[in-house]
Amino acid sequence: MKHIVVFLALFSILIIGGCSQKKEQPKGLAQRIELLQDSLYNADGVLSADKANELIGCYEALVDSMPTDTMAPQYLFIAADLSINLSNVDRTVRLLDKIITTYPQSDKTGLSLFLKAFVYEEQLNDTATAKKYYEQFITEYPEHDFIDDAHIALQNMGKSPEELIRSFEEMNEE
């Protein structure tokens, strides 16, 4: 009887784990990803947190099963984007770090560094760390499309909403 209970418990864990299990083949993962993408939002356009979390796990499992695939950084970036929308800060930073460190030549690396700074600033309220990453982004990606945004973020960091409004009003008067 104990063996049946243990078996059922292990079986349940495998089922609940979904795409986080690395044993699933890339083809099966790709099919599951497609199904999840199609059902990610309900009829009202609201993101399903459960499906988004499962989709993130599927993307991670797919990258783990094919780390040299040219699409790996893109999959991680999509996962990080979903994670940002779920306000899962630890997972977001981990995914962005994986892109930055594992795929430094990817076209997603610069934006990943910018988003990492943004997450530290906006979701963690850690302006010292955010500043460090914005400055790193500016140094390493001076021609990036988000370079102006990084400069503006640094200029406005730590300002209250009232101070920001005043700054914008002063700029409009000029």
C-alpha atoms as a PDB file:
ATOM      1  CA  MET A   1       0.000   0.000   0.000  1.00  0.00           C
ATOM      2  CA  LYS A   2       2.859   2.403   0.832  1.00  0.00           C
ATOM      3  CA  HIS A   3       4.341   1.785  -2.608  1.00  0.00           C
ATOM      4  CA  ILE A   4       1.080   2.793  -4.297  1.00  0.00           C
ATOM      5  CA  VAL A   5       0.879   6.011  -2.261  1.00  0.00           C
ATOM      6  CA  VAL A   6       4.510   6.847  -3.040  1.00  0.00           C
ATOM      7  CA  PHE A   7       3.957   6.068  -6.722  1.00  0.00           C
ATOM      8  CA  LEU A   8       0.826   8.241  -6.858  1.00  0.00           C
ATOM      9  CA  ALA A   9       2.644  11.088  -5.098  1.00  0.00           C
ATOM     10  CA  LEU A  10       5.565  10.922  -7.531  1.00  0.00           C
ATOM     11  CA  PHE A  11       3.219  10.642 -10.495  1.00  0.00           C
ATOM     12  CA  SER A  12       1.297  13.728  -9.291  1.00  0.00           C
ATOM     13  CA  ILE A  13       4.524  15.698  -8.952  1.00  0.00           C
ATOM     14  CA  LEU A  14       5.468  14.804 -12.524  1.00  0.00           C
ATOM     15  CA  ILE A  15       2.071  15.864 -13.833  1.00  0.00           C
ATOM     16  CA  ILE A  16       2.033  19.128 -11.865  1.00  0.00           C
ATOM     17  CA  GLY A  17       5.593  19.918 -12.933  1.00  0.00           C
ATOM     18  CA  GLY A  18       4.417  20.257 -16.519  1.00  0.00           C
ATOM     19  CA  CYS A  19       7.034  21.734 -18.785  1.00  0.00           C
ATOM     20  CA  SER A  20       9.587  22.206 -16.055  1.00  0.00           C
ATOM     21  CA  GLN A  21      10.563  18.594 -16.607  1.00  0.00           C
ATOM     22  CA  LYS A  22      13.583  18.464 -18.892  1.00  0.00           C
ATOM     23  CA  LYS A  23      12.757  14.972 -20.173  1.00  0.00           C
ATOM     24  CA  GLU A  24      10.133  16.247 -22.577  1.00  0.00           C
ATOM     25  CA  GLN A  25      11.415  16.290 -26.143  1.00  0.00           C
ATOM     26  CA  PRO A  26      11.771  19.606 -27.982  1.00  0.00           C
ATOM     27  CA  LYS A  27       8.986  18.644 -30.413  1.00  0.00           C
ATOM     28  CA  GLY A  28       6.605  17.990 -27.530  1.00  0.00           C
ATOM     29  CA  LEU A  29       7.669  21.211 -25.859  1.00  0.00           C
ATOM     30  CA  ALA A  30       7.109  23.160 -29.061  1.00  0.00           C
ATOM     31  CA  GLN A  31       3.587  21.750 -29.318  1.00  0.00           C
ATOM     32  CA  ARG A  32       2.852  22.558 -25.666  1.00  0.00           C
ATOM     33  CA  ILE A  33       4.236  26.085 -26.128  1.00  0.00           C
ATOM     34  CA  GLU A  34       1.960  26.637 -29.109  1.00  0.00           C
ATOM     35  CA  LEU A  35      -1.086  25.466 -27.140  1.00  0.00           C
ATOM     36  CA  LEU A  36      -0.194  27.673 -24.192  1.00  0.00           C
ATOM     37  CA  GLN A  37       0.419  30.708 -26.395  1.00  0.00           C
ATOM     38  CA  ASP A  38      -3.012  30.264 -27.960  1.00  0.00           C
ATOM     39  CA  SER A  39      -4.714  30.163 -24.553  1.00  0.00           C
ATOM     40  CA  LEU A  40      -2.536  32.616 -22.625  1.00  0.00           C
ATOM     41  CA  TYR A  41      -5.249  35.290 -22.463  1.00  0.00           C
ATOM     42  CA  ASN A  42      -8.892  34.795 -21.553  1.00  0.00           C
ATOM     43  CA  ALA A  43     -11.808  36.204 -23.560  1.00  0.00           C
ATOM     44  CA  ASP A  44     -11.446  39.551 -21.754  1.00  0.00           C
ATOM     45  CA  GLY A  45      -7.775  39.811 -22.730  1.00  0.00           C
ATOM     46  CA  VAL A  46      -6.531  39.089 -19.213  1.00  0.00           C
ATOM     47  CA  LEU A  47      -3.275  37.156 -18.889  1.00  0.00           C
ATOM     48  CA  SER A  48      -3.627  33.778 -17.178  1.00  0.00           C
ATOM     49  CA  ALA A  49      -0.893  33.659 -14.534  1.00  0.00           C
ATOM     50  CA  ASP A  50      -0.997  29.854 -14.370  1.00  0.00           C
ATOM     51  CA  LYS A  51      -0.622  29.442 -18.119  1.00  0.00           C
ATOM     52  CA  ALA A  52       2.047  32.148 -18.277  1.00  0.00           C
ATOM     53  CA  ASN A  53       4.054  30.409 -15.554  1.00  0.00           C
ATOM     54  CA  GLU A  54       3.716  27.101 -17.350  1.00  0.00           C
ATOM     55  CA  LEU A  55       4.758  28.729 -20.626  1.00  0.00           C
ATOM     56  CA  ILE A  56       7.827  30.237 -18.960  1.00  0.00           C
ATOM     57  CA  GLY A  57       8.727  26.765 -17.685  1.00  0.00           C
ATOM     58  CA  CYS A  58       8.295  25.338 -21.180  1.00  0.00           C
ATOM     59  CA  TYR A  59      10.577  27.974 -22.692  1.00  0.00           C
ATOM     60  CA  GLU A  60      13.195  27.274 -20.031  1.00  0.00           C
ATOM     61  CA  ALA A  61      12.947  23.529 -20.630  1.00  0.00           C
ATOM     62  CA  LEU A  62      13.210  24.038 -24.387  1.00  0.00           C
ATOM     63  CA  VAL A  63      16.351  26.152 -23.985  1.00  0.00           C
ATOM     64  CA  ASP A  64      17.809  23.626 -21.546  1.00  0.00           C
ATOM     65  CA  SER A  65      17.208  20.860 -24.087  1.00  0.00           C
ATOM     66  CA  MET A  66      18.679  22.890 -26.994  1.00  0.00           C
ATOM     67  CA  PRO A  67      21.024  25.520 -25.498  1.00  0.00           C
ATOM     68  CA  THR A  68      22.888  26.118 -28.763  1.00  0.00           C
ATOM     69  CA  ASP A  69      19.753  26.719 -30.814  1.00  0.00           C
ATOM     70  CA  THR A  70      19.878  30.195 -32.355  1.00  0.00           C
ATOM     71  CA  MET A  71      16.386  30.869 -30.980  1.00  0.00           C
ATOM     72  CA  ALA A  72      17.379  30.101 -27.363  1.00  0.00           C
ATOM     73  CA  PRO A  73      17.945  33.752 -26.359  1.00  0.00           C
ATOM     74  CA  GLN A  74      14.638  34.722 -27.990  1.00  0.00           C
ATOM     75  CA  TYR A  75      12.793  32.020 -26.025  1.00  0.00           C
ATOM     76  CA  LEU A  76      14.404  33.200 -22.786  1.00  0.00           C
ATOM     77  CA  PHE A  77      13.535  36.788 -23.629  1.00  0.00           C
ATOM     78  CA  ILE A  78       9.873  35.923 -24.159  1.00  0.00           C
ATOM     79  CA  ALA A  79       9.920  34.051 -20.849  1.00  0.00           C
ATOM     80  CA  ALA A  80      11.498  37.064 -19.116  1.00  0.00           C
ATOM     81  CA  ASP A  81       8.895  39.383 -20.646  1.00  0.00           C
ATOM     82  CA  LEU A  82       6.090  37.188 -19.316  1.00  0.00           C
ATOM     83  CA  SER A  83       7.799  37.024 -15.948  1.00  0.00           C
ATOM     84  CA  ILE A  84       8.039  40.832 -15.776  1.00  0.00           C
ATOM     85  CA  ASN A  85       4.293  41.030 -16.405  1.00  0.00           C
ATOM     86  CA  LEU A  86       3.712  38.586 -13.558  1.00  0.00           C
ATOM     87  CA  SER A  87       5.978  40.670 -11.283  1.00  0.00           C
ATOM     88  CA  ASN A  88       8.059  37.582 -10.577  1.00  0.00           C
ATOM     89  CA  VAL A  89      11.221  39.569  -9.949  1.00  0.00           C
ATOM     90  CA  ASP A  90      13.575  36.744  -8.976  1.00  0.00           C
ATOM     91  CA  ARG A  91      12.641  34.665 -11.993  1.00  0.00           C
ATOM     92  CA  THR A  92      12.821  37.692 -14.286  1.00  0.00           C
ATOM     93  CA  VAL A  93      16.317  38.636 -13.144  1.00  0.00           C
ATOM     94  CA  ARG A  94      17.457  35.009 -13.420  1.00  0.00           C
ATOM     95  CA  LEU A  95      16.151  34.768 -17.001  1.00  0.00           C
ATOM     96  CA  LEU A  96      17.687  38.104 -18.019  1.00  0.00           C
ATOM     97  CA  ASP A  97      21.002  37.108 -16.434  1.00  0.00           C
ATOM     98  CA  LYS A  98      20.942  33.849 -18.379  1.00  0.00           C
ATOM     99  CA  ILE A  99      20.575  35.761 -21.642  1.00  0.00           C
ATOM    100  CA  ILE A 100      23.308  38.241 -20.685  1.00  0.00           C
ATOM    101  CA  THR A 101      25.840  35.629 -19.564  1.00  0.00           C
ATOM    102  CA  THR A 102      25.062  32.683 -21.837  1.00  0.00           C
ATOM    103  CA  TYR A 103      24.274  34.556 -25.050  1.00  0.00           C
ATOM    104  CA  PRO A 104      26.411  37.732 -24.960  1.00  0.00           C
ATOM    105  CA  GLN A 105      26.352  38.079 -28.769  1.00  0.00           C
ATOM    106  CA  SER A 106      22.557  37.863 -29.019  1.00  0.00           C
ATOM    107  CA  ASP A 107      20.559  40.832 -30.236  1.00  0.00           C
ATOM    108  CA  LYS A 108      18.517  40.428 -27.023  1.00  0.00           C
ATOM    109  CA  THR A 109      21.465  40.933 -24.665  1.00  0.00           C
ATOM    110  CA  GLY A 110      21.474  44.733 -24.628  1.00  0.00           C
ATOM    111  CA  LEU A 111      17.745  44.972 -24.088  1.00  0.00           C
ATOM    112  CA  SER A 112      18.024  42.309 -21.379  1.00  0.00           C
ATOM    113  CA  LEU A 113      20.546  44.451 -19.526  1.00  0.00           C
ATOM    114  CA  PHE A 114      18.297  47.504 -19.867  1.00  0.00           C
ATOM    115  CA  LEU A 115      15.307  45.533 -18.580  1.00  0.00           C
ATOM    116  CA  LYS A 116      17.356  44.231 -15.675  1.00  0.00           C
ATOM    117  CA  ALA A 117      18.066  47.836 -14.651  1.00  0.00           C
ATOM    118  CA  PHE A 118      14.381  48.648 -15.106  1.00  0.00           C
ATOM    119  CA  VAL A 119      13.306  45.730 -12.891  1.00  0.00           C
ATOM    120  CA  TYR A 120      15.695  46.835 -10.161  1.00  0.00           C
ATOM    121  CA  GLU A 121      14.404  50.382 -10.401  1.00  0.00           C
ATOM    122  CA  GLU A 122      10.666  49.820 -10.771  1.00  0.00           C
ATOM    123  CA  GLN A 123       9.915  46.474  -9.174  1.00  0.00           C
ATOM    124  CA  LEU A 124      12.586  46.248  -6.482  1.00  0.00           C
ATOM    125  CA  ASN A 125      13.001  49.983  -5.781  1.00  0.00           C
ATOM    126  CA  ASP A 126      16.756  49.373  -5.639  1.00  0.00           C
ATOM    127  CA  THR A 127      17.984  52.539  -7.323  1.00  0.00           C
ATOM    128  CA  ALA A 128      21.665  51.933  -6.519  1.00  0.00           C
ATOM    129  CA  THR A 129      21.669  48.617  -8.381  1.00  0.00           C
ATOM    130  CA  ALA A 130      19.465  50.008 -11.139  1.00  0.00           C
ATOM    131  CA  LYS A 131      21.887  52.893 -11.627  1.00  0.00           C
ATOM    132  CA  LYS A 132      24.789  50.452 -11.912  1.00  0.00           C
ATOM    133  CA  TYR A 133      23.004  48.460 -14.633  1.00  0.00           C
ATOM    134  CA  TYR A 134      21.810  51.541 -16.530  1.00  0.00           C
ATOM    135  CA  GLU A 135      25.389  52.849 -16.560  1.00  0.00           C
ATOM    136  CA  GLN A 136      26.686  49.458 -17.704  1.00  0.00           C
ATOM    137  CA  PHE A 137      24.065  49.459 -20.469  1.00  0.00           C
ATOM    138  CA  ILE A 138      25.093  52.968 -21.582  1.00  0.00           C
ATOM    139  CA  THR A 139      28.766  51.968 -21.634  1.00  0.00           C
ATOM    140  CA  GLU A 140      28.297  48.643 -23.432  1.00  0.00           C
ATOM    141  CA  TYR A 141      25.484  49.600 -25.821  1.00  0.00           C
ATOM    142  CA  PRO A 142      25.944  53.291 -26.716  1.00  0.00           C
ATOM    143  CA  GLU A 143      24.140  52.865 -30.060  1.00  0.00           C
ATOM    144  CA  HIS A 144      21.182  50.875 -28.711  1.00  0.00           C
ATOM    145  CA  ASP A 145      17.621  52.027 -29.431  1.00  0.00           C
ATOM    146  CA  PHE A 146      17.007  52.357 -25.677  1.00  0.00           C
ATOM    147  CA  ILE A 147      20.056  54.516 -24.941  1.00  0.00           C
ATOM    148  CA  ASP A 148      17.957  57.681 -24.549  1.00  0.00           C
ATOM    149  CA  ASP A 149      15.609  55.828 -22.217  1.00  0.00           C
ATOM    150  CA  ALA A 150      18.549  54.786 -20.043  1.00  0.00           C
ATOM    151  CA  HIS A 151      19.782  58.383 -19.835  1.00  0.00           C
ATOM    152  CA  ILE A 152      16.300  59.629 -18.945  1.00  0.00           C
ATOM    153  CA  ALA A 153      15.909  56.893 -16.332  1.00  0.00           C
ATOM    154  CA  LEU A 154      19.165  57.975 -14.710  1.00  0.00           C
ATOM    155  CA  GLN A 155      18.174  61.652 -14.792  1.00  0.00           C
ATOM    156  CA  ASN A 156      14.788  60.977 -13.207  1.00  0.00           C
ATOM    157  CA  MET A 157      15.780  58.265 -10.778  1.00  0.00           C
ATOM    158  CA  GLY A 158      14.689  59.040  -7.246  1.00  0.00           C
ATOM    159  CA  LYS A 159      12.435  61.943  -8.195  1.00  0.00           C
ATOM    160  CA  SER A 160       8.940  62.083  -6.775  1.00  0.00           C
ATOM    161  CA  PRO A 161       5.963  62.189  -9.168  1.00  0.00           C
ATOM    162  CA  GLU A 162       5.580  65.902  -8.407  1.00  0.00           C
ATOM    163  CA  GLU A 163       9.219  66.562  -9.282  1.00  0.00           C
ATOM    164  CA  LEU A 164       8.808  64.651 -12.550  1.00  0.00           C
ATOM    165  CA  ILE A 165       5.734  66.674 -13.479  1.00  0.00           C
ATOM    166  CA  ARG A 166       7.571  69.903 -12.711  1.00  0.00           C
ATOM    167  CA  SER A 167      10.536  68.794 -14.848  1.00  0.00           C
ATOM    168  CA  PHE A 168       8.275  67.983 -17.783  1.00  0.00           C
ATOM    169  CA  GLU A 169       6.428  71.285 -17.435  1.00  0.00           C
ATOM    170  CA  GLU A 170       9.744  73.169 -17.414  1.00  0.00           C
ATOM    171  CA  MET A 171      10.888  71.317 -20.540  1.00  0.00           C
ATOM    172  CA  ASN A 172       7.624  72.205 -22.312  1.00  0.00           C
ATOM    173  CA  GLU A 173       8.030  75.887 -21.431  1.00  0.00           C
ATOM    174  CA  GLU A 174      11.404  76.057 -23.163  1.00  0.00           C
END
